[in-house]
PDB file of N, CA and C in Angstrom:
ATOM      1  N   MET A   1       0.814  -1.037   0.000  1.00  0.00           N
ATOM      2  CA  MET A   1      -0.162  -0.018  -0.031  1.00  0.00           C
ATOM      3  C   MET A   1       1.031   1.270  -0.111  1.00  0.00           C
ATOM      4  N   ASN A   2       0.775   2.203  -0.915  1.00  0.00           N
ATOM      5  CA  ASN A   2       1.377   3.301  -0.958  1.00  0.00           C
ATOM      6  C   ASN A   2       1.173   4.437   0.310  1.00  0.00           C
ATOM      7  N   LYS A   3       1.780   5.321   0.237  1.00  0.00           N
ATOM      8  CA  LYS A   3       1.577   6.384   1.787  1.00  0.00           C
ATOM      9  C   LYS A   3       0.303   7.170   1.046  1.00  0.00           C
ATOM     10  N   ALA A   4      -0.174   7.532   0.065  1.00  0.00           N
ATOM     11  CA  ALA A   4      -1.466   8.010  -0.096  1.00  0.00           C
ATOM     12  C   ALA A   4      -2.625   7.212   0.169  1.00  0.00           C
ATOM     13  N   ASN A   5      -2.518   5.997  -0.322  1.00  0.00           N
ATOM     14  CA  ASN A   5      -3.813   5.014   0.213  1.00  0.00           C
ATOM     15  C   ASN A   5      -3.750   4.922   1.556  1.00  0.00           C
ATOM     16  N   SER A   6      -2.542   4.913   2.368  1.00  0.00           N
ATOM     17  CA  SER A   6      -2.683   4.414   3.620  1.00  0.00           C
ATOM     18  C   SER A   6      -3.094   5.650   4.649  1.00  0.00           C
ATOM     19  N   GLN A   7      -2.885   6.690   4.057  1.00  0.00           N
ATOM     20  CA  GLN A   7      -3.543   7.982   4.630  1.00  0.00           C
ATOM     21  C   GLN A   7      -5.351   8.295   4.194  1.00  0.00           C
ATOM     22  N   SER A   8      -5.191   7.669   3.173  1.00  0.00           N
ATOM     23  CA  SER A   8      -6.776   7.690   2.903  1.00  0.00           C
ATOM     24  C   SER A   8      -7.988   6.486   3.718  1.00  0.00           C
ATOM     25  N   GLN A   9      -7.284   5.325   4.082  1.00  0.00           N
ATOM     26  CA  GLN A   9      -7.881   4.466   4.416  1.00  0.00           C
ATOM     27  C   GLN A   9      -8.852   5.008   5.859  1.00  0.00           C
ATOM     28  N   PRO A  10      -7.913   5.639   6.844  1.00  0.00           N
ATOM     29  CA  PRO A  10      -8.496   6.094   8.168  1.00  0.00           C
ATOM     30  C   PRO A  10      -9.756   6.945   7.824  1.00  0.00           C
ATOM     31  N   GLY A  11      -9.566   7.877   6.873  1.00  0.00           N
ATOM     32  CA  GLY A  11     -10.674   8.883   6.527  1.00  0.00           C
ATOM     33  C   GLY A  11     -11.889   8.259   5.690  1.00  0.00           C
ATOM     34  N   MET A  12     -11.404   7.077   5.342  1.00  0.00           N
ATOM     35  CA  MET A  12     -12.955   6.191   4.486  1.00  0.00           C
ATOM     36  C   MET A  12     -13.089   5.663   5.612  1.00  0.00           C
ATOM     37  N   LEU A  13     -12.384   5.003   6.388  1.00  0.00           N
ATOM     38  CA  LEU A  13     -13.430   4.202   7.674  1.00  0.00           C
ATOM     39  C   LEU A  13     -14.030   4.920   8.513  1.00  0.00           C
ATOM     40  N   LEU A  14     -13.491   6.253   8.755  1.00  0.00           N
ATOM     41  CA  LEU A  14     -14.481   7.415   9.639  1.00  0.00           C
ATOM     42  C   LEU A  14     -15.580   7.645   8.770  1.00  0.00           C
ATOM     43  N   GLY A  15     -15.549   7.897   7.655  1.00  0.00           N
ATOM     44  CA  GLY A  15     -16.663   8.303   6.913  1.00  0.00           C
ATOM     45  C   GLY A  15     -17.791   7.325   6.646  1.00  0.00           C
ATOM     46  N   TRP A  16     -17.386   5.937   6.514  1.00  0.00           N
ATOM     47  CA  TRP A  16     -18.198   4.769   6.780  1.00  0.00           C
ATOM     48  C   TRP A  16     -18.989   4.612   7.881  1.00  0.00           C
ATOM     49  N   MET A  17     -18.291   4.864   9.013  1.00  0.00           N
ATOM     50  CA  MET A  17     -18.746   4.935  10.468  1.00  0.00           C
ATOM     51  C   MET A  17     -19.525   5.933  10.531  1.00  0.00           C
ATOM     52  N   GLU A  18     -19.218   7.087  10.282  1.00  0.00           N
ATOM     53  CA  GLU A  18     -20.105   8.339  10.517  1.00  0.00           C
ATOM     54  C   GLU A  18     -21.388   8.068   9.769  1.00  0.00           C
ATOM     55  N   ALA A  19     -21.549   7.783   8.675  1.00  0.00           N
ATOM     56  CA  ALA A  19     -22.687   7.287   7.753  1.00  0.00           C
ATOM     57  C   ALA A  19     -23.459   6.489   8.572  1.00  0.00           C
ATOM     58  N   LEU A  20     -23.017   5.414   9.385  1.00  0.00           N
ATOM     59  CA  LEU A  20     -24.027   4.488   9.899  1.00  0.00           C
ATOM     60  C   LEU A  20     -24.238   4.807  11.403  1.00  0.00           C
ATOM     61  N   ALA A  21     -23.697   5.878  11.861  1.00  0.00           N
ATOM     62  CA  ALA A  21     -24.047   6.467  13.197  1.00  0.00           C
ATOM     63  C   ALA A  21     -25.322   7.049  13.340  1.00  0.00           C
ATOM     64  N   ASP A  22     -25.990   7.049  12.526  1.00  0.00           N
ATOM     65  CA  ASP A  22     -27.322   7.850  12.729  1.00  0.00           C
ATOM     66  C   ASP A  22     -28.310   6.910  12.553  1.00  0.00           C
ATOM     67  N   SER A  23     -29.184   6.732  13.239  1.00  0.00           N
ATOM     68  CA  SER A  23     -29.852   5.748  13.425  1.00  0.00           C
ATOM     69  C   SER A  23     -30.895   5.919  12.161  1.00  0.00           C
ATOM     70  N   THR A  24     -31.479   7.189  11.812  1.00  0.00           N
ATOM     71  CA  THR A  24     -32.076   7.249  10.443  1.00  0.00           C
ATOM     72  C   THR A  24     -31.562   6.833   9.333  1.00  0.00           C
ATOM     73  N   ARG A  25     -30.146   6.885   9.042  1.00  0.00           N
ATOM     74  CA  ARG A  25     -29.411   6.299   8.056  1.00  0.00           C
ATOM     75  C   ARG A  25     -29.607   4.817   7.920  1.00  0.00           C
ATOM     76  N   LEU A  26     -29.563   4.205   9.352  1.00  0.00           N
ATOM     77  CA  LEU A  26     -29.364   2.736   9.777  1.00  0.00           C
ATOM     78  C   LEU A  26     -30.916   2.247   9.265  1.00  0.00           C
ATOM     79  N   ARG A  27     -31.901   3.027   9.334  1.00  0.00           N
ATOM     80  CA  ARG A  27     -32.946   2.447   8.926  1.00  0.00           C
ATOM     81  C   ARG A  27     -33.096   2.606   7.678  1.00  0.00           C
ATOM     82  N   LEU A  28     -32.821   3.779   7.136  1.00  0.00           N
ATOM     83  CA  LEU A  28     -32.831   3.845   5.550  1.00  0.00           C
ATOM     84  C   LEU A  28     -32.095   2.556   4.743  1.00  0.00           C
ATOM     85  N   LEU A  29     -30.957   2.369   5.065  1.00  0.00           N
ATOM     86  CA  LEU A  29     -30.353   1.235   4.766  1.00  0.00           C
ATOM     87  C   LEU A  29     -30.483  -0.299   4.805  1.00  0.00           C
ATOM     88  N   ARG A  30     -31.456  -0.319   5.908  1.00  0.00           N
ATOM     89  CA  ARG A  30     -32.054  -1.760   6.027  1.00  0.00           C
ATOM     90  C   ARG A  30     -33.112  -1.843   5.341  1.00  0.00           C
ATOM     91  N   LEU A  31     -33.754  -0.787   5.248  1.00  0.00           N
ATOM     92  CA  LEU A  31     -34.949  -0.892   3.915  1.00  0.00           C
ATOM     93  C   LEU A  31     -34.438  -0.958   2.433  1.00  0.00           C
ATOM     94  N   LEU A  32     -33.584  -0.323   2.268  1.00  0.00           N
ATOM     95  CA  LEU A  32     -32.980  -0.300   0.860  1.00  0.00           C
ATOM     96  C   LEU A  32     -31.940  -1.547   0.768  1.00  0.00           C
ATOM     97  N   GLU A  33     -31.687  -2.268   1.414  1.00  0.00           N
ATOM     98  CA  GLU A  33     -31.041  -3.442   1.575  1.00  0.00           C
ATOM     99  C   GLU A  33     -31.749  -4.628   0.680  1.00  0.00           C
ATOM    100  N   SER A  34     -33.217  -4.485   0.820  1.00  0.00           N
ATOM    101  CA  SER A  34     -34.182  -5.601   0.116  1.00  0.00           C
ATOM    102  C   SER A  34     -34.754  -4.947  -0.651  1.00  0.00           C
ATOM    103  N   HIS A  35     -35.137  -3.601  -0.957  1.00  0.00           N
ATOM    104  CA  HIS A  35     -35.971  -2.981  -1.555  1.00  0.00           C
ATOM    105  C   HIS A  35     -35.558  -1.754  -2.444  1.00  0.00           C
ATOM    106  N   GLU A  36     -36.156  -1.572  -3.553  1.00  0.00           N
ATOM    107  CA  GLU A  36     -35.594  -0.367  -4.285  1.00  0.00           C
ATOM    108  C   GLU A  36     -36.811   0.630  -4.086  1.00  0.00           C
ATOM    109  N   LEU A  37     -36.408   2.083  -3.472  1.00  0.00           N
ATOM    110  CA  LEU A  37     -37.878   2.708  -3.007  1.00  0.00           C
ATOM    111  C   LEU A  37     -37.351   4.063  -3.412  1.00  0.00           C
ATOM    112  N   GLY A  38     -38.650   4.774  -3.447  1.00  0.00           N
ATOM    113  CA  GLY A  38     -38.321   6.219  -3.689  1.00  0.00           C
ATOM    114  C   GLY A  38     -38.505   6.997  -2.590  1.00  0.00           C
ATOM    115  N   VAL A  39     -38.340   8.357  -2.631  1.00  0.00           N
ATOM    116  CA  VAL A  39     -38.216   9.027  -1.261  1.00  0.00           C
ATOM    117  C   VAL A  39     -39.565   9.119  -0.715  1.00  0.00           C
ATOM    118  N   ILE A  40     -40.690   9.116  -1.528  1.00  0.00           N
ATOM    119  CA  ILE A  40     -41.933   9.261  -0.986  1.00  0.00           C
ATOM    120  C   ILE A  40     -42.344   7.937   0.025  1.00  0.00           C
ATOM    121  N   ASP A  41     -42.063   6.566  -0.669  1.00  0.00           N
ATOM    122  CA  ASP A  41     -42.164   5.591  -0.032  1.00  0.00           C
ATOM    123  C   ASP A  41     -41.415   5.762   1.360  1.00  0.00           C
ATOM    124  N   LEU A  42     -40.033   5.951   1.381  1.00  0.00           N
ATOM    125  CA  LEU A  42     -39.389   6.103   2.498  1.00  0.00           C
ATOM    126  C   LEU A  42     -39.894   7.130   3.340  1.00  0.00           C
ATOM    127  N   CYS A  43     -40.339   8.313   2.983  1.00  0.00           N
ATOM    128  CA  CYS A  43     -40.987   8.962   3.956  1.00  0.00           C
ATOM    129  C   CYS A  43     -42.406   8.176   4.912  1.00  0.00           C
ATOM    130  N   ASP A  44     -42.909   7.595   3.882  1.00  0.00           N
ATOM    131  CA  ASP A  44     -44.005   6.839   4.327  1.00  0.00           C
ATOM    132  C   ASP A  44     -43.795   5.880   5.560  1.00  0.00           C
ATOM    133  N   VAL A  45     -42.902   5.327   5.228  1.00  0.00           N
ATOM    134  CA  VAL A  45     -42.392   4.049   6.167  1.00  0.00           C
ATOM    135  C   VAL A  45     -42.036   4.506   7.392  1.00  0.00           C
ATOM    136  N   LEU A  46     -41.065   5.720   7.351  1.00  0.00           N
ATOM    137  CA  LEU A  46     -40.145   6.211   8.279  1.00  0.00           C
ATOM    138  C   LEU A  46     -40.925   7.460   9.240  1.00  0.00           C
ATOM    139  N   GLN A  47     -42.077   7.805   8.825  1.00  0.00           N
ATOM    140  CA  GLN A  47     -42.772   8.823   8.899  1.00  0.00           C
ATOM    141  C   GLN A  47     -42.001  10.072   9.361  1.00  0.00           C
ATOM    142  N   LEU A  48     -41.191  10.460   8.456  1.00  0.00           N
ATOM    143  CA  LEU A  48     -40.297  11.659   8.231  1.00  0.00           C
ATOM    144  C   LEU A  48     -40.713  12.580   7.020  1.00  0.00           C
ATOM    145  N   PRO A  49     -40.275  13.896   7.342  1.00  0.00           N
ATOM    146  CA  PRO A  49     -40.245  14.608   5.983  1.00  0.00           C
ATOM    147  C   PRO A  49     -39.389  14.242   4.947  1.00  0.00           C
ATOM    148  N   GLN A  50     -40.054  15.107   3.931  1.00  0.00           N
ATOM    149  CA  GLN A  50     -39.098  14.714   2.902  1.00  0.00           C
ATOM    150  C   GLN A  50     -37.651  15.292   2.986  1.00  0.00           C
ATOM    151  N   SER A  51     -37.560  16.331   3.474  1.00  0.00           N
ATOM    152  CA  SER A  51     -36.556  16.869   3.223  1.00  0.00           C
ATOM    153  C   SER A  51     -35.403  16.453   4.339  1.00  0.00           C
ATOM    154  N   THR A  52     -35.784  15.578   5.183  1.00  0.00           N
ATOM    155  CA  THR A  52     -34.815  14.763   6.365  1.00  0.00           C
ATOM    156  C   THR A  52     -34.521  13.562   5.641  1.00  0.00           C
ATOM    157  N   VAL A  53     -35.405  13.043   5.098  1.00  0.00           N
ATOM    158  CA  VAL A  53     -35.234  11.522   4.370  1.00  0.00           C
ATOM    159  C   VAL A  53     -33.864  11.976   2.891  1.00  0.00           C
ATOM    160  N   SER A  54     -34.256  12.953   2.522  1.00  0.00           N
ATOM    161  CA  SER A  54     -33.362  13.252   1.430  1.00  0.00           C
ATOM    162  C   SER A  54     -32.150  13.790   1.804  1.00  0.00           C
ATOM    163  N   ARG A  55     -31.914  14.426   2.834  1.00  0.00           N
ATOM    164  CA  ARG A  55     -30.617  14.906   3.663  1.00  0.00           C
ATOM    165  C   ARG A  55     -29.884  13.577   4.073  1.00  0.00           C
ATOM    166  N   HIS A  56     -30.654  12.679   4.353  1.00  0.00           N
ATOM    167  CA  HIS A  56     -29.777  11.288   4.753  1.00  0.00           C
ATOM    168  C   HIS A  56     -29.605  10.581   3.680  1.00  0.00           C
ATOM    169  N   LEU A  57     -30.278  10.666   2.563  1.00  0.00           N
ATOM    170  CA  LEU A  57     -29.973   9.953   1.328  1.00  0.00           C
ATOM    171  C   LEU A  57     -28.947  10.355   0.645  1.00  0.00           C
ATOM    172  N   LYS A  58     -28.849  11.592   0.786  1.00  0.00           N
ATOM    173  CA  LYS A  58     -27.510  12.413   0.188  1.00  0.00           C
ATOM    174  C   LYS A  58     -26.464  12.122   0.733  1.00  0.00           C
ATOM    175  N   VAL A  59     -26.201  11.601   2.072  1.00  0.00           N
ATOM    176  CA  VAL A  59     -25.018  11.435   2.992  1.00  0.00           C
ATOM    177  C   VAL A  59     -24.784  10.085   2.536  1.00  0.00           C
ATOM    178  N   LEU A  60     -25.661   9.212   2.584  1.00  0.00           N
ATOM    179  CA  LEU A  60     -25.534   7.795   1.980  1.00  0.00           C
ATOM    180  C   LEU A  60     -24.930   7.562   0.650  1.00  0.00           C
ATOM    181  N   ALA A  61     -25.564   8.370  -0.201  1.00  0.00           N
ATOM    182  CA  ALA A  61     -25.187   8.171  -1.425  1.00  0.00           C
ATOM    183  C   ALA A  61     -23.602   8.762  -1.527  1.00  0.00           C
ATOM    184  N   GLU A  62     -23.412   9.990  -1.178  1.00  0.00           N
ATOM    185  CA  GLU A  62     -21.865  10.238  -1.322  1.00  0.00           C
ATOM    186  C   GLU A  62     -21.137   9.527  -0.541  1.00  0.00           C
ATOM    187  N   GLY A  63     -21.329   8.485   0.641  1.00  0.00           N
ATOM    188  CA  GLY A  63     -20.424   7.646   1.085  1.00  0.00           C
ATOM    189  C   GLY A  63     -20.524   6.704   0.392  1.00  0.00           C
ATOM    190  N   GLY A  64     -21.171   6.091  -0.889  1.00  0.00           N
ATOM    191  CA  GLY A  64     -21.104   5.245  -1.419  1.00  0.00           C
ATOM    192  C   GLY A  64     -22.056   3.983  -0.943  1.00  0.00           C
ATOM    193  N   TRP A  65     -22.682   4.334  -0.182  1.00  0.00           N
ATOM    194  CA  TRP A  65     -23.700   3.338   0.049  1.00  0.00           C
ATOM    195  C   TRP A  65     -25.143   2.934  -0.446  1.00  0.00           C
ATOM    196  N   VAL A  66     -25.437   3.968  -1.287  1.00  0.00           N
ATOM    197  CA  VAL A  66     -26.686   3.780  -2.049  1.00  0.00           C
ATOM    198  C   VAL A  66     -26.468   4.188  -3.404  1.00  0.00           C
ATOM    199  N   ARG A  67     -27.334   4.014  -4.454  1.00  0.00           N
ATOM    200  CA  ARG A  67     -27.414   4.409  -5.708  1.00  0.00           C
ATOM    201  C   ARG A  67     -28.727   4.688  -6.019  1.00  0.00           C
ATOM    202  N   SER A  68     -28.932   5.599  -6.801  1.00  0.00           N
ATOM    203  CA  SER A  68     -30.395   5.832  -7.247  1.00  0.00           C
ATOM    204  C   SER A  68     -30.330   5.752  -8.822  1.00  0.00           C
ATOM    205  N   ARG A  69     -31.634   5.553  -9.245  1.00  0.00           N
ATOM    206  CA  ARG A  69     -31.684   5.738 -10.795  1.00  0.00           C
ATOM    207  C   ARG A  69     -32.989   6.373 -10.825  1.00  0.00           C
ATOM    208  N   ARG A  70     -33.142   7.076 -11.994  1.00  0.00           N
ATOM    209  CA  ARG A  70     -34.352   7.978 -12.287  1.00  0.00           C
ATOM    210  C   ARG A  70     -35.661   7.350 -13.124  1.00  0.00           C
ATOM    211  N   GLN A  71     -36.748   7.115 -12.612  1.00  0.00           N
ATOM    212  CA  GLN A  71     -37.831   6.476 -13.400  1.00  0.00           C
ATOM    213  C   GLN A  71     -38.894   7.368 -13.306  1.00  0.00           C
ATOM    214  N   GLY A  72     -38.980   8.101 -14.347  1.00  0.00           N
ATOM    215  CA  GLY A  72     -40.065   9.199 -14.724  1.00  0.00           C
ATOM    216  C   GLY A  72     -39.577  10.197 -13.957  1.00  0.00           C
ATOM    217  N   THR A  73     -40.383  10.941 -12.762  1.00  0.00           N
ATOM    218  CA  THR A  73     -39.845  12.019 -12.098  1.00  0.00           C
ATOM    219  C   THR A  73     -39.525  11.675 -10.662  1.00  0.00           C
ATOM    220  N   THR A  74     -39.529  10.341 -10.632  1.00  0.00           N
ATOM    221  CA  THR A  74     -39.066   9.778  -9.273  1.00  0.00           C
ATOM    222  C   THR A  74     -37.295   9.214  -9.557  1.00  0.00           C
ATOM    223  N   HIS A  75     -36.694   9.520  -8.320  1.00  0.00           N
ATOM    224  CA  HIS A  75     -35.568   8.747  -7.879  1.00  0.00           C
ATOM    225  C   HIS A  75     -35.774   7.374  -6.983  1.00  0.00           C
ATOM    226  N   LEU A  76     -35.390   6.464  -7.637  1.00  0.00           N
ATOM    227  CA  LEU A  76     -35.402   5.240  -6.899  1.00  0.00           C
ATOM    228  C   LEU A  76     -34.161   4.887  -6.134  1.00  0.00           C
ATOM    229  N   TYR A  77     -34.056   4.450  -4.756  1.00  0.00           N
ATOM    230  CA  TYR A  77     -32.866   4.224  -4.266  1.00  0.00           C
ATOM    231  C   TYR A  77     -32.731   2.774  -3.737  1.00  0.00           C
ATOM    232  N   ARG A  78     -31.543   2.424  -3.888  1.00  0.00           N
ATOM    233  CA  ARG A  78     -31.191   0.935  -3.446  1.00  0.00           C
ATOM    234  C   ARG A  78     -29.882   0.849  -2.726  1.00  0.00           C
ATOM    235  N   MET A  79     -29.566   0.051  -1.811  1.00  0.00           N
ATOM    236  CA  MET A  79     -28.295  -0.010  -1.301  1.00  0.00           C
ATOM    237  C   MET A  79     -27.532  -0.921  -2.102  1.00  0.00           C
ATOM    238  N   ILE A  80     -26.346  -0.853  -2.335  1.00  0.00           N
ATOM    239  CA  ILE A  80     -25.335  -1.523  -3.166  1.00  0.00           C
ATOM    240  C   ILE A  80     -24.205  -2.400  -2.447  1.00  0.00           C
ATOM    241  N   LEU A  81     -25.073  -3.227  -1.571  1.00  0.00           N
ATOM    242  CA  LEU A  81     -24.201  -4.217  -0.922  1.00  0.00           C
ATOM    243  C   LEU A  81     -22.938  -5.079  -1.618  1.00  0.00           C
ATOM    244  N   ASP A  82     -23.541  -5.380  -2.666  1.00  0.00           N
ATOM    245  CA  ASP A  82     -22.893  -6.155  -3.520  1.00  0.00           C
ATOM    246  C   ASP A  82     -21.838  -5.668  -4.336  1.00  0.00           C
ATOM    247  N   GLU A  83     -21.781  -4.304  -4.374  1.00  0.00           N
ATOM    248  CA  GLU A  83     -20.639  -3.357  -4.930  1.00  0.00           C
ATOM    249  C   GLU A  83     -19.759  -3.128  -3.950  1.00  0.00           C
ATOM    250  N   LEU A  84     -19.925  -2.936  -2.857  1.00  0.00           N
ATOM    251  CA  LEU A  84     -19.243  -2.493  -1.630  1.00  0.00           C
ATOM    252  C   LEU A  84     -18.044  -3.234  -1.410  1.00  0.00           C
ATOM    253  N   GLU A  85     -16.625  -2.711  -1.175  1.00  0.00           N
ATOM    254  CA  GLU A  85     -15.594  -3.408  -0.870  1.00  0.00           C
ATOM    255  C   GLU A  85     -15.937  -4.298   0.483  1.00  0.00           C
ATOM    256  N   ALA A  86     -15.211  -5.405   0.715  1.00  0.00           N
ATOM    257  CA  ALA A  86     -15.203  -6.214   1.962  1.00  0.00           C
ATOM    258  C   ALA A  86     -15.278  -5.754   2.935  1.00  0.00           C
ATOM    259  N   ALA A  87     -14.404  -4.912   3.087  1.00  0.00           N
ATOM    260  CA  ALA A  87     -14.251  -4.000   4.688  1.00  0.00           C
ATOM    261  C   ALA A  87     -15.614  -3.347   4.847  1.00  0.00           C
ATOM    262  N   THR A  88     -15.896  -2.679   3.926  1.00  0.00           N
ATOM    263  CA  THR A  88     -17.486  -2.006   4.123  1.00  0.00           C
ATOM    264  C   THR A  88     -18.462  -2.876   4.450  1.00  0.00           C
ATOM    265  N   ARG A  89     -18.698  -4.062   3.610  1.00  0.00           N
ATOM    266  CA  ARG A  89     -19.586  -4.968   3.536  1.00  0.00           C
ATOM    267  C   ARG A  89     -19.855  -5.497   5.011  1.00  0.00           C
ATOM    268  N   LYS A  90     -18.428  -5.764   5.870  1.00  0.00           N
ATOM    269  CA  LYS A  90     -17.994  -6.184   7.055  1.00  0.00           C
ATOM    270  C   LYS A  90     -18.657  -5.331   8.110  1.00  0.00           C
ATOM    271  N   LEU A  91     -18.448  -4.006   8.069  1.00  0.00           N
ATOM    272  CA  LEU A  91     -18.938  -3.010   8.586  1.00  0.00           C
ATOM    273  C   LEU A  91     -20.187  -2.855   8.796  1.00  0.00           C
ATOM    274  N   TRP A  92     -20.886  -2.917   7.451  1.00  0.00           N
ATOM    275  CA  TRP A  92     -22.453  -3.265   7.516  1.00  0.00           C
ATOM    276  C   TRP A  92     -22.976  -4.468   8.167  1.00  0.00           C
ATOM    277  N   LEU A  93     -22.487  -5.418   8.212  1.00  0.00           N
ATOM    278  CA  LEU A  93     -22.841  -6.311   8.786  1.00  0.00           C
ATOM    279  C   LEU A  93     -22.661  -6.259  10.287  1.00  0.00           C
ATOM    280  N   LEU A  94     -21.940  -5.539  10.716  1.00  0.00           N
ATOM    281  CA  LEU A  94     -21.662  -5.563  12.347  1.00  0.00           C
ATOM    282  C   LEU A  94     -22.815  -4.405  12.646  1.00  0.00           C
ATOM    283  N   ALA A  95     -22.935  -3.289  11.766  1.00  0.00           N
ATOM    284  CA  ALA A  95     -23.980  -2.380  12.272  1.00  0.00           C
ATOM    285  C   ALA A  95     -25.297  -2.609  11.949  1.00  0.00           C
ATOM    286  N   ARG A  96     -25.740  -3.764  11.412  1.00  0.00           N
ATOM    287  CA  ARG A  96     -27.102  -3.993  11.314  1.00  0.00           C
ATOM    288  C   ARG A  96     -27.733  -4.797  12.049  1.00  0.00           C
TER     289      ARG A  96
END
């Protein structure tokens, strides 16, 4: 591992842990692990306002936990567990 990679690993790990440290984001990931859902669906299930759900989805997307695709005027979100690095998958399995 080169010096640049060794310096970025702790930062990446902290970012992953920060994303998982919030109970709302954990709930979102649990839902998106098995379902592809839109923001409105997530709002209904979690009983949270759209702005709150969207803010948490943005953090998860920036952290590489979820992907979205557009279907008409809706963005559908899903967790990308199969695309995560092994260390990230292990962290998720511990957190869930």
